Amino acid sequence: MKLGITGGIGSGKTSVCRVFGVLGIPVFSADPEAQIIMNNDRSVMDGINDIAGRNLYPGDKLNKEELASLIFNDPELLKRVNSLVHPVVFDHFREWSGIQNTPYVIMEAAILFESGASNLVDRVATVVAPVEERISRVILRNKLTREQVVDRIKNQMTDEERIRLSDYVINNSENEMIIPVILGIHEDILTHINS
């Protein structure tokens, strides 16, 4: 069985996944995997340069800032880059999940629904947090400006849209306890698997 974990930038997906990891559930993180692919898969690298219309790999390493400034201001370019990278990420997930031997596995992806990755999982948990908290977390973590974070939020689904498509919701605001909720989801999935 496969559980998808999603949520907007800065919602706390990584913290939630760490708790599942402590429970012995392996987590496949789509975003870091996409970064590895964009820096190592020659056909993807060539495709990104074609889409950008210039070399975004000075010294053979992707200039992430330049790519971000291009795609987060141009929905069409963003779509083209995503349709190049996502199928490769999905293949890696299928291979990876095929060799795990736990009751279930997790795919963590910020754009689980937008990318079509939700079709690869059986259930989905959405992590939510107040927008201002999310913005502060990302500014601190990624050294981005408020404007850059807001641009990224605008390119993602709203929490309401995600919640409507999800089986579980984990509220990860500063004053909420996430561990009991995660344990409840874990038990629910194990019960479903064993029934």
N, C-alpha and C. Protein backbone atom coordinates (compact mmCIF):
# COMPACT_ATOMS: atom_id res chain seq x y z
N MET A 1 0.84 -1.19 0.00
CA MET A 1 0.00 0.00 0.00
C MET A 1 0.88 1.25 0.00
N LYS A 2 0.37 2.30 -0.65
CA LYS A 2 1.17 3.52 -0.76
C LYS A 2 0.37 4.71 -0.25
N LEU A 3 1.00 5.50 0.64
CA LEU A 3 0.38 6.71 1.18
C LEU A 3 1.11 7.91 0.60
N GLY A 4 0.35 8.84 0.04
CA GLY A 4 0.94 10.09 -0.43
C GLY A 4 0.84 11.12 0.67
N ILE A 5 1.91 11.89 0.87
CA ILE A 5 1.87 12.99 1.82
C ILE A 5 2.17 14.26 1.04
N THR A 6 1.26 15.23 1.15
CA THR A 6 1.42 16.47 0.42
C THR A 6 1.06 17.64 1.30
N GLY A 7 1.26 18.83 0.77
CA GLY A 7 0.96 20.05 1.50
C GLY A 7 1.74 21.17 0.85
N GLY A 8 1.30 22.38 1.07
CA GLY A 8 1.98 23.52 0.46
C GLY A 8 3.38 23.70 1.01
N ILE A 9 4.15 24.52 0.32
CA ILE A 9 5.52 24.82 0.75
C ILE A 9 5.47 25.35 2.20
N GLY A 10 6.35 24.80 3.05
CA GLY A 10 6.43 25.26 4.43
C GLY A 10 5.37 24.71 5.37
N SER A 11 4.56 23.75 4.89
CA SER A 11 3.49 23.22 5.75
C SER A 11 4.03 22.24 6.79
N GLY A 12 5.20 21.67 6.55
CA GLY A 12 5.79 20.75 7.52
C GLY A 12 5.74 19.29 7.11
N LYS A 13 5.74 19.04 5.80
CA LYS A 13 5.70 17.65 5.30
C LYS A 13 6.89 16.85 5.81
N THR A 14 8.07 17.47 5.83
CA THR A 14 9.29 16.78 6.25
C THR A 14 9.19 16.34 7.70
N SER A 15 8.67 17.21 8.57
CA SER A 15 8.51 16.85 9.99
C SER A 15 7.56 15.67 10.14
N VAL A 16 6.46 15.71 9.39
CA VAL A 16 5.48 14.62 9.43
C VAL A 16 6.13 13.32 8.96
N CYS A 17 6.89 13.39 7.88
CA CYS A 17 7.55 12.19 7.33
C CYS A 17 8.58 11.63 8.30
N ARG A 18 9.25 12.50 9.07
CA ARG A 18 10.21 12.02 10.07
C ARG A 18 9.51 11.13 11.10
N VAL A 19 8.29 11.52 11.50
CA VAL A 19 7.54 10.72 12.48
C VAL A 19 7.19 9.36 11.87
N PHE A 20 6.73 9.34 10.62
CA PHE A 20 6.46 8.06 9.97
C PHE A 20 7.74 7.22 9.88
N GLY A 21 8.86 7.88 9.63
CA GLY A 21 10.15 7.19 9.57
C GLY A 21 10.49 6.51 10.89
N VAL A 22 10.19 7.19 11.99
CA VAL A 22 10.41 6.62 13.32
C VAL A 22 9.54 5.38 13.51
N LEU A 23 8.36 5.38 12.87
CA LEU A 23 7.46 4.22 12.95
C LEU A 23 7.92 3.08 12.02
N GLY A 24 9.02 3.30 11.29
CA GLY A 24 9.57 2.26 10.42
C GLY A 24 9.01 2.27 9.01
N ILE A 25 8.33 3.36 8.64
CA ILE A 25 7.75 3.44 7.30
C ILE A 25 8.70 4.21 6.39
N PRO A 26 9.16 3.59 5.30
CA PRO A 26 10.10 4.27 4.41
C PRO A 26 9.41 5.40 3.62
N VAL A 27 10.17 6.48 3.45
CA VAL A 27 9.64 7.67 2.77
C VAL A 27 10.46 7.98 1.52
N PHE A 28 9.76 8.13 0.42
CA PHE A 28 10.36 8.56 -0.85
C PHE A 28 10.00 10.04 -1.00
N SER A 29 11.01 10.91 -0.99
CA SER A 29 10.75 12.35 -1.12
C SER A 29 10.96 12.77 -2.56
N ALA A 30 9.86 13.18 -3.21
CA ALA A 30 9.90 13.48 -4.64
C ALA A 30 10.77 14.69 -4.97
N ASP A 31 10.75 15.73 -4.14
CA ASP A 31 11.49 16.95 -4.48
C ASP A 31 13.01 16.74 -4.51
N PRO A 32 13.61 16.15 -3.45
CA PRO A 32 15.05 15.87 -3.54
C PRO A 32 15.39 14.90 -4.68
N GLU A 33 14.50 13.94 -4.93
CA GLU A 33 14.72 13.01 -6.04
C GLU A 33 14.75 13.75 -7.37
N ALA A 34 13.83 14.71 -7.53
CA ALA A 34 13.78 15.52 -8.75
C ALA A 34 15.07 16.32 -8.91
N GLN A 35 15.61 16.84 -7.79
CA GLN A 35 16.87 17.60 -7.84
C GLN A 35 18.02 16.70 -8.33
N ILE A 36 18.06 15.47 -7.80
CA ILE A 36 19.10 14.52 -8.22
C ILE A 36 18.99 14.24 -9.71
N ILE A 37 17.76 14.00 -10.17
CA ILE A 37 17.53 13.70 -11.59
C ILE A 37 17.94 14.89 -12.46
N MET A 38 17.56 16.11 -12.04
CA MET A 38 17.86 17.30 -12.85
C MET A 38 19.35 17.60 -12.90
N ASN A 39 20.13 17.02 -11.97
CA ASN A 39 21.57 17.23 -11.99
C ASN A 39 22.37 16.06 -12.54
N ASN A 40 21.69 14.92 -12.82
CA ASN A 40 22.44 13.73 -13.23
C ASN A 40 21.92 13.03 -14.47
N ASP A 41 20.65 13.23 -14.82
CA ASP A 41 20.07 12.54 -15.97
C ASP A 41 20.30 13.42 -17.21
N ARG A 42 21.21 12.96 -18.07
CA ARG A 42 21.63 13.77 -19.21
C ARG A 42 20.46 14.20 -20.10
N SER A 43 19.49 13.31 -20.35
CA SER A 43 18.39 13.70 -21.24
C SER A 43 17.49 14.76 -20.58
N VAL A 44 17.32 14.67 -19.26
CA VAL A 44 16.55 15.70 -18.54
C VAL A 44 17.32 17.02 -18.56
N MET A 45 18.64 16.97 -18.34
CA MET A 45 19.46 18.18 -18.35
C MET A 45 19.37 18.88 -19.71
N ASP A 46 19.50 18.09 -20.78
CA ASP A 46 19.40 18.67 -22.13
C ASP A 46 18.01 19.26 -22.36
N GLY A 47 16.98 18.55 -21.88
CA GLY A 47 15.61 19.03 -22.02
C GLY A 47 15.38 20.35 -21.30
N ILE A 48 15.94 20.49 -20.11
CA ILE A 48 15.80 21.75 -19.35
C ILE A 48 16.47 22.90 -20.11
N ASN A 49 17.65 22.64 -20.65
CA ASN A 49 18.33 23.68 -21.44
C ASN A 49 17.51 24.07 -22.67
N ASP A 50 16.91 23.07 -23.32
CA ASP A 50 16.06 23.35 -24.50
C ASP A 50 14.89 24.24 -24.10
N ILE A 51 14.22 23.88 -23.00
CA ILE A 51 13.06 24.64 -22.54
C ILE A 51 13.46 26.06 -22.16
N ALA A 52 14.59 26.19 -21.47
CA ALA A 52 15.05 27.51 -21.02
C ALA A 52 15.60 28.35 -22.18
N GLY A 53 16.03 27.67 -23.24
CA GLY A 53 16.61 28.39 -24.37
C GLY A 53 18.04 28.85 -24.11
N ARG A 54 18.63 28.30 -23.06
CA ARG A 54 20.04 28.61 -22.75
C ARG A 54 20.58 27.57 -21.77
N ASN A 55 21.90 27.62 -21.54
CA ASN A 55 22.53 26.65 -20.66
C ASN A 55 22.32 27.04 -19.20
N LEU A 56 21.58 26.20 -18.46
CA LEU A 56 21.37 26.44 -17.04
C LEU A 56 22.29 25.57 -16.18
N TYR A 57 23.32 25.01 -16.83
CA TYR A 57 24.26 24.12 -16.12
C TYR A 57 25.69 24.62 -16.21
N PRO A 58 25.96 25.80 -15.66
CA PRO A 58 27.36 26.24 -15.65
C PRO A 58 28.15 25.29 -14.75
N GLY A 59 29.25 24.76 -15.24
CA GLY A 59 30.04 23.82 -14.44
C GLY A 59 29.29 22.53 -14.17
N ASP A 60 28.38 22.16 -15.07
CA ASP A 60 27.63 20.90 -14.99
C ASP A 60 26.71 20.77 -13.78
N LYS A 61 26.39 21.89 -13.12
CA LYS A 61 25.45 21.85 -11.99
C LYS A 61 24.33 22.84 -12.28
N LEU A 62 23.08 22.38 -12.07
CA LEU A 62 21.92 23.21 -12.36
C LEU A 62 21.93 24.50 -11.54
N ASN A 63 21.75 25.63 -12.23
CA ASN A 63 21.59 26.91 -11.55
C ASN A 63 20.11 27.00 -11.13
N LYS A 64 19.83 26.53 -9.89
CA LYS A 64 18.45 26.43 -9.42
C LYS A 64 17.76 27.78 -9.32
N GLU A 65 18.52 28.81 -8.92
CA GLU A 65 17.93 30.15 -8.78
C GLU A 65 17.45 30.66 -10.13
N GLU A 66 18.28 30.46 -11.17
CA GLU A 66 17.91 30.94 -12.50
C GLU A 66 16.70 30.17 -13.03
N LEU A 67 16.69 28.84 -12.82
CA LEU A 67 15.54 28.04 -13.25
C LEU A 67 14.28 28.49 -12.51
N ALA A 68 14.39 28.70 -11.18
CA ALA A 68 13.23 29.14 -10.39
C ALA A 68 12.70 30.48 -10.89
N SER A 69 13.60 31.42 -11.18
CA SER A 69 13.13 32.74 -11.63
C SER A 69 12.43 32.64 -12.98
N LEU A 70 12.84 31.67 -13.81
CA LEU A 70 12.17 31.47 -15.10
C LEU A 70 10.80 30.83 -14.92
N ILE A 71 10.76 29.71 -14.20
CA ILE A 71 9.52 28.91 -14.17
C ILE A 71 8.45 29.44 -13.23
N PHE A 72 8.84 30.14 -12.15
CA PHE A 72 7.80 30.60 -11.23
C PHE A 72 7.12 31.87 -11.74
N ASN A 73 7.63 32.43 -12.84
CA ASN A 73 6.96 33.59 -13.45
C ASN A 73 6.32 33.24 -14.78
N ASP A 74 6.44 31.97 -15.18
CA ASP A 74 5.90 31.56 -16.48
C ASP A 74 5.25 30.18 -16.34
N PRO A 75 3.93 30.14 -16.15
CA PRO A 75 3.24 28.87 -15.92
C PRO A 75 3.48 27.85 -17.04
N GLU A 76 3.65 28.32 -18.27
CA GLU A 76 3.86 27.41 -19.40
C GLU A 76 5.22 26.72 -19.29
N LEU A 77 6.25 27.48 -18.95
CA LEU A 77 7.60 26.89 -18.77
C LEU A 77 7.59 25.92 -17.59
N LEU A 78 6.91 26.30 -16.51
CA LEU A 78 6.81 25.43 -15.33
C LEU A 78 6.20 24.09 -15.73
N LYS A 79 5.12 24.15 -16.52
CA LYS A 79 4.44 22.94 -16.96
C LYS A 79 5.36 22.07 -17.81
N ARG A 80 6.14 22.70 -18.70
CA ARG A 80 7.03 21.95 -19.57
C ARG A 80 8.16 21.26 -18.78
N VAL A 81 8.73 21.98 -17.81
CA VAL A 81 9.79 21.39 -16.99
C VAL A 81 9.21 20.23 -16.17
N ASN A 82 8.03 20.45 -15.58
CA ASN A 82 7.40 19.39 -14.78
C ASN A 82 7.10 18.15 -15.62
N SER A 83 6.62 18.34 -16.85
CA SER A 83 6.27 17.17 -17.67
C SER A 83 7.53 16.43 -18.16
N LEU A 84 8.66 17.08 -18.07
CA LEU A 84 9.93 16.44 -18.39
C LEU A 84 10.45 15.63 -17.19
N VAL A 85 10.37 16.23 -16.00
CA VAL A 85 10.98 15.65 -14.80
C VAL A 85 10.07 14.62 -14.11
N HIS A 86 8.77 14.91 -14.02
CA HIS A 86 7.88 14.04 -13.23
C HIS A 86 7.85 12.58 -13.67
N PRO A 87 7.75 12.28 -14.97
CA PRO A 87 7.71 10.85 -15.34
C PRO A 87 8.94 10.08 -14.86
N VAL A 88 10.11 10.74 -14.85
CA VAL A 88 11.34 10.07 -14.39
C VAL A 88 11.26 9.83 -12.88
N VAL A 89 10.76 10.84 -12.14
CA VAL A 89 10.59 10.69 -10.69
C VAL A 89 9.63 9.53 -10.40
N PHE A 90 8.53 9.47 -11.17
CA PHE A 90 7.54 8.40 -10.96
C PHE A 90 8.15 7.03 -11.19
N ASP A 91 8.99 6.89 -12.22
CA ASP A 91 9.67 5.61 -12.49
C ASP A 91 10.56 5.23 -11.31
N HIS A 92 11.30 6.22 -10.77
CA HIS A 92 12.17 5.96 -9.63
C HIS A 92 11.34 5.51 -8.42
N PHE A 93 10.17 6.13 -8.22
CA PHE A 93 9.30 5.76 -7.09
C PHE A 93 8.81 4.32 -7.25
N ARG A 94 8.39 3.96 -8.47
CA ARG A 94 7.90 2.60 -8.71
C ARG A 94 8.99 1.57 -8.41
N GLU A 95 10.21 1.83 -8.90
CA GLU A 95 11.34 0.92 -8.63
C GLU A 95 11.61 0.82 -7.14
N TRP A 96 11.69 2.00 -6.49
CA TRP A 96 12.00 2.06 -5.06
C TRP A 96 10.94 1.33 -4.24
N SER A 97 9.65 1.59 -4.51
CA SER A 97 8.60 0.96 -3.70
C SER A 97 8.55 -0.54 -3.92
N GLY A 98 8.97 -0.99 -5.10
CA GLY A 98 8.99 -2.42 -5.40
C GLY A 98 9.98 -3.21 -4.57
N ILE A 99 10.99 -2.53 -4.02
CA ILE A 99 12.00 -3.26 -3.23
C ILE A 99 11.84 -3.06 -1.72
N GLN A 100 10.79 -2.32 -1.30
CA GLN A 100 10.57 -2.14 0.15
C GLN A 100 9.79 -3.34 0.67
N ASN A 101 10.02 -3.69 1.93
CA ASN A 101 9.25 -4.81 2.49
C ASN A 101 8.61 -4.41 3.82
N THR A 102 7.86 -3.31 3.77
CA THR A 102 7.11 -2.83 4.92
C THR A 102 5.63 -2.87 4.55
N PRO A 103 4.73 -2.77 5.54
CA PRO A 103 3.30 -2.85 5.21
C PRO A 103 2.87 -1.79 4.19
N TYR A 104 3.47 -0.60 4.29
CA TYR A 104 3.18 0.44 3.31
C TYR A 104 4.37 1.36 3.17
N VAL A 105 4.36 2.18 2.14
CA VAL A 105 5.43 3.15 1.89
C VAL A 105 4.79 4.51 1.69
N ILE A 106 5.62 5.54 1.76
CA ILE A 106 5.13 6.91 1.61
C ILE A 106 5.84 7.60 0.45
N MET A 107 5.05 8.32 -0.35
CA MET A 107 5.63 9.26 -1.32
C MET A 107 5.28 10.65 -0.82
N GLU A 108 6.32 11.44 -0.55
CA GLU A 108 6.12 12.81 -0.10
C GLU A 108 6.37 13.73 -1.28
N ALA A 109 5.37 14.55 -1.63
CA ALA A 109 5.50 15.46 -2.77
C ALA A 109 4.64 16.70 -2.56
N ALA A 110 5.25 17.86 -2.73
CA ALA A 110 4.53 19.12 -2.57
C ALA A 110 3.39 19.22 -3.59
N ILE A 111 3.65 18.77 -4.81
CA ILE A 111 2.63 18.89 -5.86
C ILE A 111 2.13 17.50 -6.27
N LEU A 112 1.74 16.72 -5.26
CA LEU A 112 1.26 15.35 -5.48
C LEU A 112 0.09 15.32 -6.46
N PHE A 113 -0.88 16.20 -6.27
CA PHE A 113 -2.06 16.21 -7.14
C PHE A 113 -1.74 16.85 -8.49
N GLU A 114 -1.06 18.01 -8.46
CA GLU A 114 -0.76 18.74 -9.69
C GLU A 114 0.08 17.91 -10.65
N SER A 115 0.98 17.09 -10.10
CA SER A 115 1.91 16.33 -10.96
C SER A 115 1.32 15.02 -11.47
N GLY A 116 0.19 14.61 -10.87
CA GLY A 116 -0.39 13.32 -11.23
C GLY A 116 0.15 12.18 -10.38
N ALA A 117 1.04 12.49 -9.42
CA ALA A 117 1.61 11.45 -8.55
C ALA A 117 0.54 10.83 -7.66
N SER A 118 -0.57 11.54 -7.47
CA SER A 118 -1.65 10.99 -6.63
C SER A 118 -2.21 9.71 -7.24
N ASN A 119 -2.01 9.53 -8.55
CA ASN A 119 -2.46 8.29 -9.20
C ASN A 119 -1.60 7.09 -8.84
N LEU A 120 -0.44 7.35 -8.23
CA LEU A 120 0.48 6.26 -7.87
C LEU A 120 0.28 5.77 -6.43
N VAL A 121 -0.58 6.48 -5.67
CA VAL A 121 -0.77 6.13 -4.26
C VAL A 121 -2.22 5.72 -3.99
N ASP A 122 -2.41 4.99 -2.86
CA ASP A 122 -3.75 4.50 -2.52
C ASP A 122 -4.53 5.47 -1.65
N ARG A 123 -3.81 6.20 -0.80
CA ARG A 123 -4.43 7.18 0.08
C ARG A 123 -3.53 8.40 0.18
N VAL A 124 -4.15 9.54 0.57
CA VAL A 124 -3.38 10.79 0.66
C VAL A 124 -3.63 11.48 1.99
N ALA A 125 -2.55 11.96 2.60
CA ALA A 125 -2.63 12.82 3.79
C ALA A 125 -2.12 14.20 3.40
N THR A 126 -2.89 15.23 3.70
CA THR A 126 -2.47 16.61 3.43
C THR A 126 -2.05 17.26 4.73
N VAL A 127 -0.89 17.91 4.70
CA VAL A 127 -0.38 18.64 5.86
C VAL A 127 -0.73 20.11 5.65
N VAL A 128 -1.36 20.72 6.64
CA VAL A 128 -1.73 22.13 6.54
C VAL A 128 -1.15 22.92 7.71
N ALA A 129 -0.94 24.21 7.47
CA ALA A 129 -0.48 25.14 8.50
C ALA A 129 -0.90 26.53 8.04
N PRO A 130 -1.06 27.47 8.99
CA PRO A 130 -1.44 28.83 8.60
C PRO A 130 -0.40 29.43 7.64
N VAL A 131 -0.88 30.19 6.66
CA VAL A 131 -0.02 30.72 5.60
C VAL A 131 1.14 31.55 6.17
N GLU A 132 0.88 32.40 7.15
CA GLU A 132 1.96 33.23 7.70
C GLU A 132 3.05 32.36 8.34
N GLU A 133 2.64 31.29 9.03
CA GLU A 133 3.63 30.37 9.61
C GLU A 133 4.46 29.73 8.51
N ARG A 134 3.78 29.31 7.43
CA ARG A 134 4.48 28.67 6.31
C ARG A 134 5.49 29.63 5.70
N ILE A 135 5.08 30.87 5.48
CA ILE A 135 5.98 31.86 4.87
C ILE A 135 7.21 32.06 5.75
N SER A 136 7.00 32.23 7.07
CA SER A 136 8.14 32.42 7.98
C SER A 136 9.09 31.24 7.95
N ARG A 137 8.52 30.01 7.96
CA ARG A 137 9.37 28.80 7.94
C ARG A 137 10.25 28.77 6.70
N VAL A 138 9.65 29.06 5.54
CA VAL A 138 10.40 28.96 4.28
C VAL A 138 11.44 30.06 4.16
N ILE A 139 11.11 31.28 4.62
CA ILE A 139 12.09 32.38 4.59
C ILE A 139 13.31 31.98 5.41
N LEU A 140 13.05 31.42 6.60
CA LEU A 140 14.15 30.98 7.48
C LEU A 140 14.95 29.84 6.87
N ARG A 141 14.24 28.83 6.37
CA ARG A 141 14.87 27.60 5.89
C ARG A 141 15.60 27.79 4.57
N ASN A 142 14.95 28.45 3.63
CA ASN A 142 15.49 28.50 2.26
C ASN A 142 16.16 29.83 1.92
N LYS A 143 16.18 30.77 2.87
CA LYS A 143 16.78 32.08 2.62
C LYS A 143 16.15 32.74 1.40
N LEU A 144 14.82 32.64 1.28
CA LEU A 144 14.10 33.28 0.18
C LEU A 144 13.45 34.56 0.71
N THR A 145 13.09 35.45 -0.21
CA THR A 145 12.36 36.65 0.20
C THR A 145 10.88 36.27 0.37
N ARG A 146 10.15 37.12 1.07
CA ARG A 146 8.72 36.91 1.25
C ARG A 146 8.03 36.80 -0.12
N GLU A 147 8.43 37.67 -1.04
CA GLU A 147 7.84 37.68 -2.39
C GLU A 147 8.08 36.35 -3.12
N GLN A 148 9.29 35.80 -3.00
CA GLN A 148 9.61 34.52 -3.65
C GLN A 148 8.75 33.39 -3.08
N VAL A 149 8.54 33.40 -1.76
CA VAL A 149 7.73 32.35 -1.13
C VAL A 149 6.28 32.48 -1.59
N VAL A 150 5.77 33.71 -1.61
CA VAL A 150 4.38 33.93 -2.02
C VAL A 150 4.18 33.49 -3.48
N ASP A 151 5.19 33.76 -4.35
CA ASP A 151 5.12 33.30 -5.76
C ASP A 151 4.96 31.78 -5.81
N ARG A 152 5.72 31.07 -4.98
CA ARG A 152 5.66 29.60 -4.99
C ARG A 152 4.32 29.11 -4.47
N ILE A 153 3.81 29.77 -3.44
CA ILE A 153 2.50 29.39 -2.90
C ILE A 153 1.43 29.56 -3.98
N LYS A 154 1.53 30.66 -4.75
CA LYS A 154 0.55 30.93 -5.81
C LYS A 154 0.57 29.87 -6.90
N ASN A 155 1.72 29.21 -7.09
CA ASN A 155 1.85 28.17 -8.11
C ASN A 155 1.39 26.80 -7.63
N GLN A 156 0.93 26.72 -6.37
CA GLN A 156 0.46 25.45 -5.82
C GLN A 156 -1.04 25.51 -5.56
N MET A 157 -1.65 24.33 -5.45
CA MET A 157 -3.07 24.24 -5.09
C MET A 157 -3.30 24.88 -3.73
N THR A 158 -4.54 25.26 -3.45
CA THR A 158 -4.86 25.78 -2.11
C THR A 158 -5.04 24.59 -1.16
N ASP A 159 -4.93 24.88 0.13
CA ASP A 159 -5.17 23.84 1.14
C ASP A 159 -6.56 23.25 0.98
N GLU A 160 -7.55 24.11 0.72
CA GLU A 160 -8.94 23.65 0.58
C GLU A 160 -9.05 22.62 -0.54
N GLU A 161 -8.40 22.92 -1.69
CA GLU A 161 -8.45 21.99 -2.83
C GLU A 161 -7.80 20.65 -2.46
N ARG A 162 -6.65 20.72 -1.79
CA ARG A 162 -5.94 19.50 -1.39
C ARG A 162 -6.77 18.68 -0.41
N ILE A 163 -7.35 19.36 0.58
CA ILE A 163 -8.13 18.67 1.63
C ILE A 163 -9.29 17.91 0.99
N ARG A 164 -9.94 18.54 0.01
CA ARG A 164 -11.09 17.91 -0.65
C ARG A 164 -10.70 16.59 -1.31
N LEU A 165 -9.45 16.48 -1.77
CA LEU A 165 -9.00 15.29 -2.49
C LEU A 165 -8.29 14.28 -1.57
N SER A 166 -8.19 14.59 -0.28
CA SER A 166 -7.39 13.77 0.64
C SER A 166 -8.23 12.88 1.54
N ASP A 167 -7.58 11.83 2.05
CA ASP A 167 -8.20 10.91 3.01
C ASP A 167 -7.96 11.36 4.44
N TYR A 168 -6.83 12.05 4.67
CA TYR A 168 -6.45 12.49 6.01
C TYR A 168 -5.93 13.92 5.95
N VAL A 169 -6.08 14.64 7.08
CA VAL A 169 -5.53 15.99 7.19
C VAL A 169 -4.72 16.05 8.48
N ILE A 170 -3.51 16.59 8.38
CA ILE A 170 -2.64 16.76 9.55
C ILE A 170 -2.42 18.27 9.71
N ASN A 171 -2.93 18.82 10.81
CA ASN A 171 -2.77 20.25 11.07
C ASN A 171 -1.45 20.46 11.80
N ASN A 172 -0.50 21.09 11.12
CA ASN A 172 0.85 21.26 11.67
C ASN A 172 1.13 22.71 12.04
N SER A 173 0.18 23.35 12.74
CA SER A 173 0.48 24.70 13.20
C SER A 173 1.18 24.58 14.55
N GLU A 174 1.82 25.64 14.97
CA GLU A 174 2.68 25.62 16.17
C GLU A 174 1.97 25.02 17.40
N ASN A 175 0.63 25.24 17.49
CA ASN A 175 -0.05 24.82 18.72
C ASN A 175 -0.81 23.50 18.57
N GLU A 176 -0.54 22.74 17.51
CA GLU A 176 -1.22 21.46 17.30
C GLU A 176 -0.26 20.30 17.58
N MET A 177 -0.81 19.20 18.07
CA MET A 177 -0.01 18.00 18.32
C MET A 177 -0.14 17.08 17.10
N ILE A 178 0.96 16.88 16.36
CA ILE A 178 0.87 16.06 15.15
C ILE A 178 1.06 14.57 15.41
N ILE A 179 1.77 14.21 16.46
CA ILE A 179 2.09 12.79 16.68
C ILE A 179 0.83 11.92 16.87
N PRO A 180 -0.14 12.33 17.71
CA PRO A 180 -1.35 11.50 17.84
C PRO A 180 -2.10 11.33 16.51
N VAL A 181 -2.12 12.38 15.71
CA VAL A 181 -2.81 12.30 14.41
C VAL A 181 -2.08 11.31 13.49
N ILE A 182 -0.76 11.39 13.46
CA ILE A 182 0.04 10.49 12.62
C ILE A 182 -0.13 9.04 13.09
N LEU A 183 -0.11 8.83 14.41
CA LEU A 183 -0.32 7.47 14.94
C LEU A 183 -1.69 6.94 14.53
N GLY A 184 -2.69 7.81 14.52
CA GLY A 184 -4.04 7.42 14.11
C GLY A 184 -4.07 7.00 12.65
N ILE A 185 -3.38 7.75 11.80
CA ILE A 185 -3.32 7.41 10.36
C ILE A 185 -2.60 6.07 10.18
N HIS A 186 -1.48 5.92 10.88
CA HIS A 186 -0.68 4.68 10.83
C HIS A 186 -1.55 3.47 11.20
N GLU A 187 -2.27 3.59 12.31
CA GLU A 187 -3.14 2.49 12.77
C GLU A 187 -4.25 2.22 11.76
N ASP A 188 -4.84 3.28 11.21
CA ASP A 188 -5.92 3.14 10.25
C ASP A 188 -5.44 2.36 9.01
N ILE A 189 -4.26 2.70 8.53
CA ILE A 189 -3.72 2.01 7.34
C ILE A 189 -3.40 0.56 7.67
N LEU A 190 -2.78 0.31 8.82
CA LEU A 190 -2.48 -1.08 9.20
C LEU A 190 -3.76 -1.90 9.35
N THR A 191 -4.79 -1.30 9.93
CA THR A 191 -6.09 -1.99 10.09
C THR A 191 -6.65 -2.33 8.71
N HIS A 192 -6.58 -1.35 7.80
CA HIS A 192 -7.08 -1.57 6.43
C HIS A 192 -6.31 -2.71 5.74
N ILE A 193 -4.99 -2.71 5.89
CA ILE A 193 -4.15 -3.73 5.25
C ILE A 193 -4.48 -5.12 5.81
N ASN A 194 -4.72 -5.19 7.12
CA ASN A 194 -4.95 -6.48 7.76
C ASN A 194 -6.40 -6.97 7.65
N SER A 195 -7.30 -6.13 7.13
CA SER A 195 -8.71 -6.56 7.08
C SER A 195 -9.02 -7.35 5.82
